[in-house]
Amino acid sequence: MNTILKIEQLHQYFGKGTVNENHVLRGIDLKLKEQDFVTIIGGNGAGKSTLLNSIAGTLPIKEGKIFLNQEDITNQKVEKRSKHISRVFQDPKMGTAVRLTVEENLALALKRGQSRGLSSGVKKRDRQFFKEQLATLGLGLEERLGAEIGLLSGGQRQAITLLMATIIKPQLILLDEHTAALDPKTSAVVMNLTEKLIGEHKLTAFMVTHDMEDALRYGNRLIMLHQGKIAVDVSGEEKSRLKVADLLELFHKNSGETLTDDKLLLG
């Protein structure tokens, strides 16, 4: 498999050179291969969101390098990266235009990375395509193309946001605790859809989660961040055999610190 994402010696600071300096990421080296589905966990301040923001381009990089499919994107603007990197946020209200309809939001996603003219936003052939795609979600949303998306439930919106993020296959999809704001039942539905879409589209995915069980259940690789460094990196059969207790023990072995409760880790 080709290497899709390569991160070299990435450091991120907040308030550098001041008395409040916070060295958030401390020399991250990381490679993701094509079709890797990586789950990321870690406590508050471990650097999870900072890492995703660095990859997405919303946080400038002053020390280190990031390559996407062998292209140096270290200083590339967010708008250009968005042609190849999709992102789904924790808040279901983000990632969609709340006053536009379901089909209008999907039309915007379909035009990602293309120049946009003044023609009608939703064409007849696109509408049929949207219905077919929505039907695959199994939520009945294919009958709500004309509904204002802001009136849908959080779970329905996250399902549509996932579809929007994958409707044009990205080189990389970033999932930023995208089920954290949902109730357990809805979260399970969205996670099943996530796994389905990633598998069907053969995507390379980075998923930050606050749920250790989900981190172990989904994906082929798990990374645990601690104090800005990678404390645990397991994949394949080794990952599939791990339980929460095993993961905590592995964390202790690699970091030298002891955690008696996963809540202490995830904070």
C-alpha atoms as a PDB file:
ATOM      1  CA  MET A   1       0.000   0.000   0.000  1.00  0.00           C
ATOM      2  CA  ASN A   2       1.146   3.534  -0.788  1.00  0.00           C
ATOM      3  CA  THR A   3       1.876   6.013   1.997  1.00  0.00           C
ATOM      4  CA  ILE A   4      -0.938   8.596   1.948  1.00  0.00           C
ATOM      5  CA  LEU A   5       0.089  10.756   4.908  1.00  0.00           C
ATOM      6  CA  LYS A   6       3.579  11.349   6.272  1.00  0.00           C
ATOM      7  CA  ILE A   7       4.331  13.592   9.242  1.00  0.00           C
ATOM      8  CA  GLU A   8       7.928  14.420  10.089  1.00  0.00           C
ATOM      9  CA  GLN A   9       9.088  15.913  13.381  1.00  0.00           C
ATOM     10  CA  LEU A  10       5.937  17.964  13.923  1.00  0.00           C
ATOM     11  CA  HIS A  11       6.106  20.366  16.857  1.00  0.00           C
ATOM     12  CA  GLN A  12       3.337  22.740  17.867  1.00  0.00           C
ATOM     13  CA  TYR A  13       3.553  25.423  20.534  1.00  0.00           C
ATOM     14  CA  PHE A  14       1.077  27.832  22.029  1.00  0.00           C
ATOM     15  CA  GLY A  15       2.479  31.013  23.519  1.00  0.00           C
ATOM     16  CA  LYS A  16       6.009  30.108  22.479  1.00  0.00           C
ATOM     17  CA  GLY A  17       8.643  32.261  24.152  1.00  0.00           C
ATOM     18  CA  THR A  18       6.283  33.400  26.902  1.00  0.00           C
ATOM     19  CA  VAL A  19       5.895  32.303  30.508  1.00  0.00           C
ATOM     20  CA  ASN A  20       2.750  30.429  29.402  1.00  0.00           C
ATOM     21  CA  GLU A  21       4.497  28.445  26.646  1.00  0.00           C
ATOM     22  CA  ASN A  22       2.782  25.119  25.988  1.00  0.00           C
ATOM     23  CA  HIS A  23       4.663  22.603  23.857  1.00  0.00           C
ATOM     24  CA  VAL A  24       1.627  20.631  22.664  1.00  0.00           C
ATOM     25  CA  LEU A  25       3.109  18.349  19.989  1.00  0.00           C
ATOM     26  CA  ARG A  26       6.640  17.146  20.613  1.00  0.00           C
ATOM     27  CA  GLY A  27       8.225  15.784  17.458  1.00  0.00           C
ATOM     28  CA  ILE A  28       5.446  13.634  15.978  1.00  0.00           C
ATOM     29  CA  ASP A  29       6.638  11.190  13.301  1.00  0.00           C
ATOM     30  CA  LEU A  30       3.833   9.266  11.642  1.00  0.00           C
ATOM     31  CA  LYS A  31       2.957   7.466   8.404  1.00  0.00           C
ATOM     32  CA  LEU A  32      -0.488   6.360   7.226  1.00  0.00           C
ATOM     33  CA  LYS A  33      -0.801   3.870   4.428  1.00  0.00           C
ATOM     34  CA  GLU A  34      -3.620   3.785   1.903  1.00  0.00           C
ATOM     35  CA  GLN A  35      -6.868   2.465   3.481  1.00  0.00           C
ATOM     36  CA  ASP A  36      -5.554   2.741   7.044  1.00  0.00           C
ATOM     37  CA  PHE A  37      -8.398   3.442   9.477  1.00  0.00           C
ATOM     38  CA  VAL A  38      -6.632   4.900  12.504  1.00  0.00           C
ATOM     39  CA  THR A  39      -8.330   5.663  15.809  1.00  0.00           C
ATOM     40  CA  ILE A  40      -6.691   8.237  18.102  1.00  0.00           C
ATOM     41  CA  ILE A  41      -7.197   8.546  21.840  1.00  0.00           C
ATOM     42  CA  GLY A  42      -5.582  10.523  24.632  1.00  0.00           C
ATOM     43  CA  GLY A  43      -6.394  12.751  27.563  1.00  0.00           C
ATOM     44  CA  ASN A  44      -7.122  16.471  27.551  1.00  0.00           C
ATOM     45  CA  GLY A  45      -4.046  18.313  26.340  1.00  0.00           C
ATOM     46  CA  ALA A  46      -2.514  15.199  24.753  1.00  0.00           C
ATOM     47  CA  GLY A  47      -2.533  16.906  21.348  1.00  0.00           C
ATOM     48  CA  LYS A  48      -5.351  15.113  19.496  1.00  0.00           C
ATOM     49  CA  SER A  49      -7.162  18.203  18.188  1.00  0.00           C
ATOM     50  CA  THR A  50      -3.870  20.013  17.572  1.00  0.00           C
ATOM     51  CA  LEU A  51      -2.717  17.118  15.406  1.00  0.00           C
ATOM     52  CA  LEU A  52      -5.941  17.122  13.354  1.00  0.00           C
ATOM     53  CA  ASN A  53      -5.868  20.916  12.995  1.00  0.00           C
ATOM     54  CA  SER A  54      -2.279  20.708  11.795  1.00  0.00           C
ATOM     55  CA  ILE A  55      -3.190  18.123   9.151  1.00  0.00           C
ATOM     56  CA  ALA A  56      -6.291  20.049   8.050  1.00  0.00           C
ATOM     57  CA  GLY A  57      -4.332  23.302   7.805  1.00  0.00           C
ATOM     58  CA  THR A  58      -6.368  25.310  10.311  1.00  0.00           C
ATOM     59  CA  LEU A  59      -3.282  25.529  12.531  1.00  0.00           C
ATOM     60  CA  PRO A  60      -0.119  26.871  10.826  1.00  0.00           C
ATOM     61  CA  ILE A  61       2.975  24.694  11.002  1.00  0.00           C
ATOM     62  CA  LYS A  62       6.258  26.341  11.899  1.00  0.00           C
ATOM     63  CA  GLU A  63       8.291  23.271  12.800  1.00  0.00           C
ATOM     64  CA  GLY A  64       8.000  19.968  10.967  1.00  0.00           C
ATOM     65  CA  LYS A  65       6.663  18.705   7.644  1.00  0.00           C
ATOM     66  CA  ILE A  66       3.414  17.130   6.432  1.00  0.00           C
ATOM     67  CA  PHE A  67       3.109  15.267   3.133  1.00  0.00           C
ATOM     68  CA  LEU A  68      -0.125  14.088   1.523  1.00  0.00           C
ATOM     69  CA  ASN A  69       0.382  11.456  -1.151  1.00  0.00           C
ATOM     70  CA  GLN A  70       4.032  12.577  -1.439  1.00  0.00           C
ATOM     71  CA  GLU A  71       3.110  16.250  -1.888  1.00  0.00           C
ATOM     72  CA  ASP A  72       4.441  18.700   0.690  1.00  0.00           C
ATOM     73  CA  ILE A  73       1.353  20.429   2.126  1.00  0.00           C
ATOM     74  CA  THR A  74       3.080  21.923   5.181  1.00  0.00           C
ATOM     75  CA  ASN A  75       2.289  25.500   4.160  1.00  0.00           C
ATOM     76  CA  GLN A  76      -0.701  24.790   1.935  1.00  0.00           C
ATOM     77  CA  LYS A  77      -3.861  26.792   2.651  1.00  0.00           C
ATOM     78  CA  VAL A  78      -6.960  25.129   4.089  1.00  0.00           C
ATOM     79  CA  GLU A  79      -8.974  25.769   0.922  1.00  0.00           C
ATOM     80  CA  LYS A  80      -6.516  23.871  -1.246  1.00  0.00           C
ATOM     81  CA  ARG A  81      -6.195  21.005   1.220  1.00  0.00           C
ATOM     82  CA  SER A  82      -9.973  20.656   1.391  1.00  0.00           C
ATOM     83  CA  LYS A  83      -9.953  19.308  -2.174  1.00  0.00           C
ATOM     84  CA  HIS A  84      -8.233  16.202  -0.832  1.00  0.00           C
ATOM     85  CA  ILE A  85      -8.955  16.194   2.911  1.00  0.00           C
ATOM     86  CA  SER A  86     -12.502  15.906   4.281  1.00  0.00           C
ATOM     87  CA  ARG A  87     -13.430  16.553   7.894  1.00  0.00           C
ATOM     88  CA  VAL A  88     -16.394  15.743  10.113  1.00  0.00           C
ATOM     89  CA  PHE A  89     -16.616  17.696  13.363  1.00  0.00           C
ATOM     90  CA  GLN A  90     -17.981  16.876  16.822  1.00  0.00           C
ATOM     91  CA  ASP A  91     -20.784  19.432  16.551  1.00  0.00           C
ATOM     92  CA  PRO A  92     -23.508  18.213  14.138  1.00  0.00           C
ATOM     93  CA  LYS A  93     -24.152  21.876  13.266  1.00  0.00           C
ATOM     94  CA  MET A  94     -20.719  22.185  11.694  1.00  0.00           C
ATOM     95  CA  GLY A  95     -19.941  20.935   8.227  1.00  0.00           C
ATOM     96  CA  THR A  96     -23.335  21.888   6.776  1.00  0.00           C
ATOM     97  CA  ALA A  97     -25.119  25.081   5.783  1.00  0.00           C
ATOM     98  CA  VAL A  98     -28.075  25.075   8.171  1.00  0.00           C
ATOM     99  CA  ARG A  99     -30.428  27.229   6.090  1.00  0.00           C
ATOM    100  CA  LEU A 100     -29.906  25.212   2.913  1.00  0.00           C
ATOM    101  CA  THR A 101     -31.790  22.039   2.072  1.00  0.00           C
ATOM    102  CA  VAL A 102     -30.371  18.522   2.173  1.00  0.00           C
ATOM    103  CA  GLU A 103     -29.970  18.455  -1.607  1.00  0.00           C
ATOM    104  CA  GLU A 104     -28.349  21.899  -1.681  1.00  0.00           C
ATOM    105  CA  ASN A 105     -25.797  20.820   0.907  1.00  0.00           C
ATOM    106  CA  LEU A 106     -25.040  17.663  -1.075  1.00  0.00           C
ATOM    107  CA  ALA A 107     -24.691  19.757  -4.239  1.00  0.00           C
ATOM    108  CA  LEU A 108     -22.057  21.885  -2.520  1.00  0.00           C
ATOM    109  CA  ALA A 109     -20.188  18.744  -1.460  1.00  0.00           C
ATOM    110  CA  LEU A 110     -20.348  17.369  -5.005  1.00  0.00           C
ATOM    111  CA  LYS A 111     -18.614  20.516  -6.280  1.00  0.00           C
ATOM    112  CA  ARG A 112     -15.761  20.353  -3.787  1.00  0.00           C
ATOM    113  CA  GLY A 113     -12.543  21.309  -5.532  1.00  0.00           C
ATOM    114  CA  GLN A 114     -14.358  22.547  -8.663  1.00  0.00           C
ATOM    115  CA  SER A 115     -15.007  26.065  -9.917  1.00  0.00           C
ATOM    116  CA  ARG A 116     -18.613  27.127  -9.346  1.00  0.00           C
ATOM    117  CA  GLY A 117     -20.619  29.035 -11.910  1.00  0.00           C
ATOM    118  CA  LEU A 118     -23.993  30.757 -11.719  1.00  0.00           C
ATOM    119  CA  SER A 119     -26.100  27.841 -12.939  1.00  0.00           C
ATOM    120  CA  SER A 120     -28.742  26.146 -10.823  1.00  0.00           C
ATOM    121  CA  GLY A 121     -27.225  24.577  -7.713  1.00  0.00           C
ATOM    122  CA  VAL A 122     -29.094  21.256  -7.982  1.00  0.00           C
ATOM    123  CA  LYS A 123     -29.476  19.597 -11.357  1.00  0.00           C
ATOM    124  CA  LYS A 124     -32.035  16.896 -12.105  1.00  0.00           C
ATOM    125  CA  ARG A 125     -29.415  14.187 -12.644  1.00  0.00           C
ATOM    126  CA  ASP A 126     -27.719  15.172  -9.388  1.00  0.00           C
ATOM    127  CA  ARG A 127     -31.022  14.966  -7.493  1.00  0.00           C
ATOM    128  CA  GLN A 128     -31.468  11.331  -8.539  1.00  0.00           C
ATOM    129  CA  PHE A 129     -27.878  10.598  -7.546  1.00  0.00           C
ATOM    130  CA  PHE A 130     -28.443  12.176  -4.134  1.00  0.00           C
ATOM    131  CA  LYS A 131     -31.559  10.059  -3.570  1.00  0.00           C
ATOM    132  CA  GLU A 132     -29.609   6.914  -4.379  1.00  0.00           C
ATOM    133  CA  GLN A 133     -26.761   7.871  -2.063  1.00  0.00           C
ATOM    134  CA  LEU A 134     -29.062   8.833   0.808  1.00  0.00           C
ATOM    135  CA  ALA A 135     -30.971   5.562   0.429  1.00  0.00           C
ATOM    136  CA  THR A 136     -27.768   3.646   1.208  1.00  0.00           C
ATOM    137  CA  LEU A 137     -27.766   5.214   4.693  1.00  0.00           C
ATOM    138  CA  GLY A 138     -30.985   3.400   5.553  1.00  0.00           C
ATOM    139  CA  LEU A 139     -32.475   6.382   7.427  1.00  0.00           C
ATOM    140  CA  GLY A 140     -35.224   7.403   5.000  1.00  0.00           C
ATOM    141  CA  LEU A 141     -33.430  10.661   4.196  1.00  0.00           C
ATOM    142  CA  GLU A 142     -33.860  10.114   0.458  1.00  0.00           C
ATOM    143  CA  GLU A 143     -37.418  11.360   0.955  1.00  0.00           C
ATOM    144  CA  ARG A 144     -36.246  14.598   2.617  1.00  0.00           C
ATOM    145  CA  LEU A 145     -34.157  16.186  -0.119  1.00  0.00           C
ATOM    146  CA  GLY A 146     -36.085  19.452   0.183  1.00  0.00           C
ATOM    147  CA  ALA A 147     -35.904  19.642   3.991  1.00  0.00           C
ATOM    148  CA  GLU A 148     -33.866  22.425   5.565  1.00  0.00           C
ATOM    149  CA  ILE A 149     -30.914  20.610   7.045  1.00  0.00           C
ATOM    150  CA  GLY A 150     -30.956  22.660  10.240  1.00  0.00           C
ATOM    151  CA  LEU A 151     -34.311  21.074  11.130  1.00  0.00           C
ATOM    152  CA  LEU A 152     -32.963  17.520  11.142  1.00  0.00           C
ATOM    153  CA  SER A 153     -31.810  15.649  14.240  1.00  0.00           C
ATOM    154  CA  GLY A 154     -28.150  15.584  15.225  1.00  0.00           C
ATOM    155  CA  GLY A 155     -27.753  11.987  14.122  1.00  0.00           C
ATOM    156  CA  GLN A 156     -29.383  12.628  10.749  1.00  0.00           C
ATOM    157  CA  ARG A 157     -27.134  15.627  10.187  1.00  0.00           C
ATOM    158  CA  GLN A 158     -23.993  13.680  11.073  1.00  0.00           C
ATOM    159  CA  ALA A 159     -25.045  10.909   8.685  1.00  0.00           C
ATOM    160  CA  ILE A 160     -25.474  13.476   5.894  1.00  0.00           C
ATOM    161  CA  THR A 161     -22.184  15.147   6.826  1.00  0.00           C
ATOM    162  CA  LEU A 162     -20.456  11.774   6.488  1.00  0.00           C
ATOM    163  CA  LEU A 163     -22.044  11.333   3.069  1.00  0.00           C
ATOM    164  CA  MET A 164     -20.945  14.855   2.084  1.00  0.00           C
ATOM    165  CA  ALA A 165     -17.398  14.118   3.227  1.00  0.00           C
ATOM    166  CA  THR A 166     -17.182  10.971   1.106  1.00  0.00           C
ATOM    167  CA  ILE A 167     -19.353  11.772  -1.927  1.00  0.00           C
ATOM    168  CA  ILE A 168     -16.182  12.846  -3.728  1.00  0.00           C
ATOM    169  CA  LYS A 169     -13.572  10.355  -2.511  1.00  0.00           C
ATOM    170  CA  PRO A 170     -10.993  12.249  -0.444  1.00  0.00           C
ATOM    171  CA  GLN A 171      -7.403  11.129  -0.051  1.00  0.00           C
ATOM    172  CA  LEU A 172      -7.914  11.444   3.699  1.00  0.00           C
ATOM    173  CA  ILE A 173     -10.911  11.870   5.990  1.00  0.00           C
ATOM    174  CA  LEU A 174     -10.568  13.367   9.479  1.00  0.00           C
ATOM    175  CA  LEU A 175     -13.227  12.420  12.041  1.00  0.00           C
ATOM    176  CA  ASP A 176     -12.989  14.759  15.020  1.00  0.00           C
ATOM    177  CA  GLU A 177     -14.941  13.061  17.857  1.00  0.00           C
ATOM    178  CA  HIS A 178     -17.878  13.082  15.457  1.00  0.00           C
ATOM    179  CA  THR A 179     -20.171  11.030  17.731  1.00  0.00           C
ATOM    180  CA  ALA A 180     -19.331  12.753  21.041  1.00  0.00           C
ATOM    181  CA  ALA A 181     -22.421  15.008  20.969  1.00  0.00           C
ATOM    182  CA  LEU A 182     -24.834  12.163  20.194  1.00  0.00           C
ATOM    183  CA  ASP A 183     -26.743   9.851  22.527  1.00  0.00           C
ATOM    184  CA  PRO A 184     -25.417   6.250  22.731  1.00  0.00           C
ATOM    185  CA  LYS A 185     -28.020   4.754  20.384  1.00  0.00           C
ATOM    186  CA  THR A 186     -27.535   7.423  17.715  1.00  0.00           C
ATOM    187  CA  SER A 187     -23.767   7.262  18.175  1.00  0.00           C
ATOM    188  CA  ALA A 188     -23.834   3.538  17.396  1.00  0.00           C
ATOM    189  CA  VAL A 189     -25.839   4.173  14.213  1.00  0.00           C
ATOM    190  CA  VAL A 190     -23.406   6.876  13.046  1.00  0.00           C
ATOM    191  CA  MET A 191     -20.391   4.689  13.851  1.00  0.00           C
ATOM    192  CA  ASN A 192     -21.852   1.824  11.823  1.00  0.00           C
ATOM    193  CA  LEU A 193     -22.364   4.221   8.917  1.00  0.00           C
ATOM    194  CA  THR A 194     -18.827   5.512   9.361  1.00  0.00           C
ATOM    195  CA  GLU A 195     -17.378   2.016   9.130  1.00  0.00           C
ATOM    196  CA  LYS A 196     -19.598   1.215   6.131  1.00  0.00           C
ATOM    197  CA  LEU A 197     -18.641   4.332   4.134  1.00  0.00           C
ATOM    198  CA  ILE A 198     -14.928   4.022   4.912  1.00  0.00           C
ATOM    199  CA  GLY A 199     -14.972   0.382   3.850  1.00  0.00           C
ATOM    200  CA  GLU A 200     -17.034   0.849   0.695  1.00  0.00           C
ATOM    201  CA  HIS A 201     -14.991   3.821  -0.528  1.00  0.00           C
ATOM    202  CA  LYS A 202     -11.681   2.282   0.617  1.00  0.00           C
ATOM    203  CA  LEU A 203     -10.801   5.487   2.451  1.00  0.00           C
ATOM    204  CA  THR A 204      -7.821   6.399   4.575  1.00  0.00           C
ATOM    205  CA  ALA A 205      -9.235   7.712   7.856  1.00  0.00           C
ATOM    206  CA  PHE A 206      -8.095   9.395  11.063  1.00  0.00           C
ATOM    207  CA  MET A 207     -10.691   9.195  13.854  1.00  0.00           C
ATOM    208  CA  VAL A 208     -10.267  10.978  17.184  1.00  0.00           C
ATOM    209  CA  THR A 209     -12.559   9.459  19.790  1.00  0.00           C
ATOM    210  CA  HIS A 210     -13.238   9.847  23.505  1.00  0.00           C
ATOM    211  CA  ASP A 211     -14.471   6.256  23.700  1.00  0.00           C
ATOM    212  CA  MET A 212     -11.849   3.584  24.369  1.00  0.00           C
ATOM    213  CA  GLU A 213     -14.205   0.792  23.330  1.00  0.00           C
ATOM    214  CA  ASP A 214     -14.803   2.455  19.952  1.00  0.00           C
ATOM    215  CA  ALA A 215     -11.070   3.032  19.549  1.00  0.00           C
ATOM    216  CA  LEU A 216     -10.509  -0.694  19.996  1.00  0.00           C
ATOM    217  CA  ARG A 217     -13.566  -1.847  18.039  1.00  0.00           C
ATOM    218  CA  TYR A 218     -13.092   0.179  14.869  1.00  0.00           C
ATOM    219  CA  GLY A 219     -10.215   0.546  12.448  1.00  0.00           C
ATOM    220  CA  ASN A 220      -7.040  -1.423  11.842  1.00  0.00           C
ATOM    221  CA  ARG A 221      -4.707   0.771  13.901  1.00  0.00           C
ATOM    222  CA  LEU A 222      -4.827   2.620  17.229  1.00  0.00           C
ATOM    223  CA  ILE A 223      -2.634   5.520  18.333  1.00  0.00           C
ATOM    224  CA  MET A 224      -2.567   6.886  21.872  1.00  0.00           C
ATOM    225  CA  LEU A 225      -1.156  10.361  22.407  1.00  0.00           C
ATOM    226  CA  HIS A 226       0.245  11.456  25.755  1.00  0.00           C
ATOM    227  CA  GLN A 227       1.870  14.811  26.483  1.00  0.00           C
ATOM    228  CA  GLY A 228       2.334  15.520  22.789  1.00  0.00           C
ATOM    229  CA  LYS A 229       3.990  12.224  21.911  1.00  0.00           C
ATOM    230  CA  ILE A 230       2.852   8.865  20.570  1.00  0.00           C
ATOM    231  CA  ALA A 231       2.700   6.590  23.610  1.00  0.00           C
ATOM    232  CA  VAL A 232       1.064   3.595  21.901  1.00  0.00           C
ATOM    233  CA  ASP A 233       0.831   2.583  18.245  1.00  0.00           C
ATOM    234  CA  VAL A 234      -0.733  -0.829  17.581  1.00  0.00           C
ATOM    235  CA  SER A 235      -2.268  -2.327  14.470  1.00  0.00           C
ATOM    236  CA  GLY A 236      -3.543  -5.498  12.838  1.00  0.00           C
ATOM    237  CA  GLU A 237      -3.933  -8.618  14.941  1.00  0.00           C
ATOM    238  CA  GLU A 238      -2.235  -7.035  17.944  1.00  0.00           C
ATOM    239  CA  LYS A 239      -4.904  -4.329  18.034  1.00  0.00           C
ATOM    240  CA  SER A 240      -7.776  -6.771  17.477  1.00  0.00           C
ATOM    241  CA  ARG A 241      -6.757  -8.769  20.563  1.00  0.00           C
ATOM    242  CA  LEU A 242      -6.563  -5.783  22.920  1.00  0.00           C
ATOM    243  CA  LYS A 243      -9.055  -5.076  25.697  1.00  0.00           C
ATOM    244  CA  VAL A 244      -9.216  -1.811  27.654  1.00  0.00           C
ATOM    245  CA  ALA A 245      -7.147  -3.323  30.485  1.00  0.00           C
ATOM    246  CA  ASP A 246      -4.501  -4.447  27.978  1.00  0.00           C
ATOM    247  CA  LEU A 247      -4.351  -0.971  26.495  1.00  0.00           C
ATOM    248  CA  LEU A 248      -3.859   0.640  29.894  1.00  0.00           C
ATOM    249  CA  GLU A 249      -1.083  -1.835  30.653  1.00  0.00           C
ATOM    250  CA  LEU A 250       0.569  -1.084  27.312  1.00  0.00           C
ATOM    251  CA  PHE A 251       0.320   2.621  28.059  1.00  0.00           C
ATOM    252  CA  HIS A 252       2.068   2.073  31.400  1.00  0.00           C
ATOM    253  CA  LYS A 253       4.788   0.000  29.758  1.00  0.00           C
ATOM    254  CA  ASN A 254       5.520   2.634  27.105  1.00  0.00           C
ATOM    255  CA  SER A 255       5.077   5.805  29.145  1.00  0.00           C
ATOM    256  CA  GLY A 256       6.157   4.700  32.594  1.00  0.00           C
ATOM    257  CA  GLU A 257       2.939   6.125  34.039  1.00  0.00           C
ATOM    258  CA  THR A 258       0.085   4.210  35.664  1.00  0.00           C
ATOM    259  CA  LEU A 259      -3.596   4.809  34.962  1.00  0.00           C
ATOM    260  CA  THR A 260      -6.190   2.962  37.001  1.00  0.00           C
ATOM    261  CA  ASP A 261      -9.214   4.307  35.149  1.00  0.00           C
ATOM    262  CA  ASP A 262      -9.689   4.983  31.443  1.00  0.00           C
ATOM    263  CA  LYS A 263     -11.516   8.224  32.379  1.00  0.00           C
ATOM    264  CA  LEU A 264      -8.232   9.536  33.748  1.00  0.00           C
ATOM    265  CA  LEU A 265      -6.725   8.956  30.341  1.00  0.00           C
ATOM    266  CA  LEU A 266      -9.489  10.373  28.207  1.00  0.00           C
ATOM    267  CA  GLY A 267     -10.406  13.222  30.545  1.00  0.00           C
END
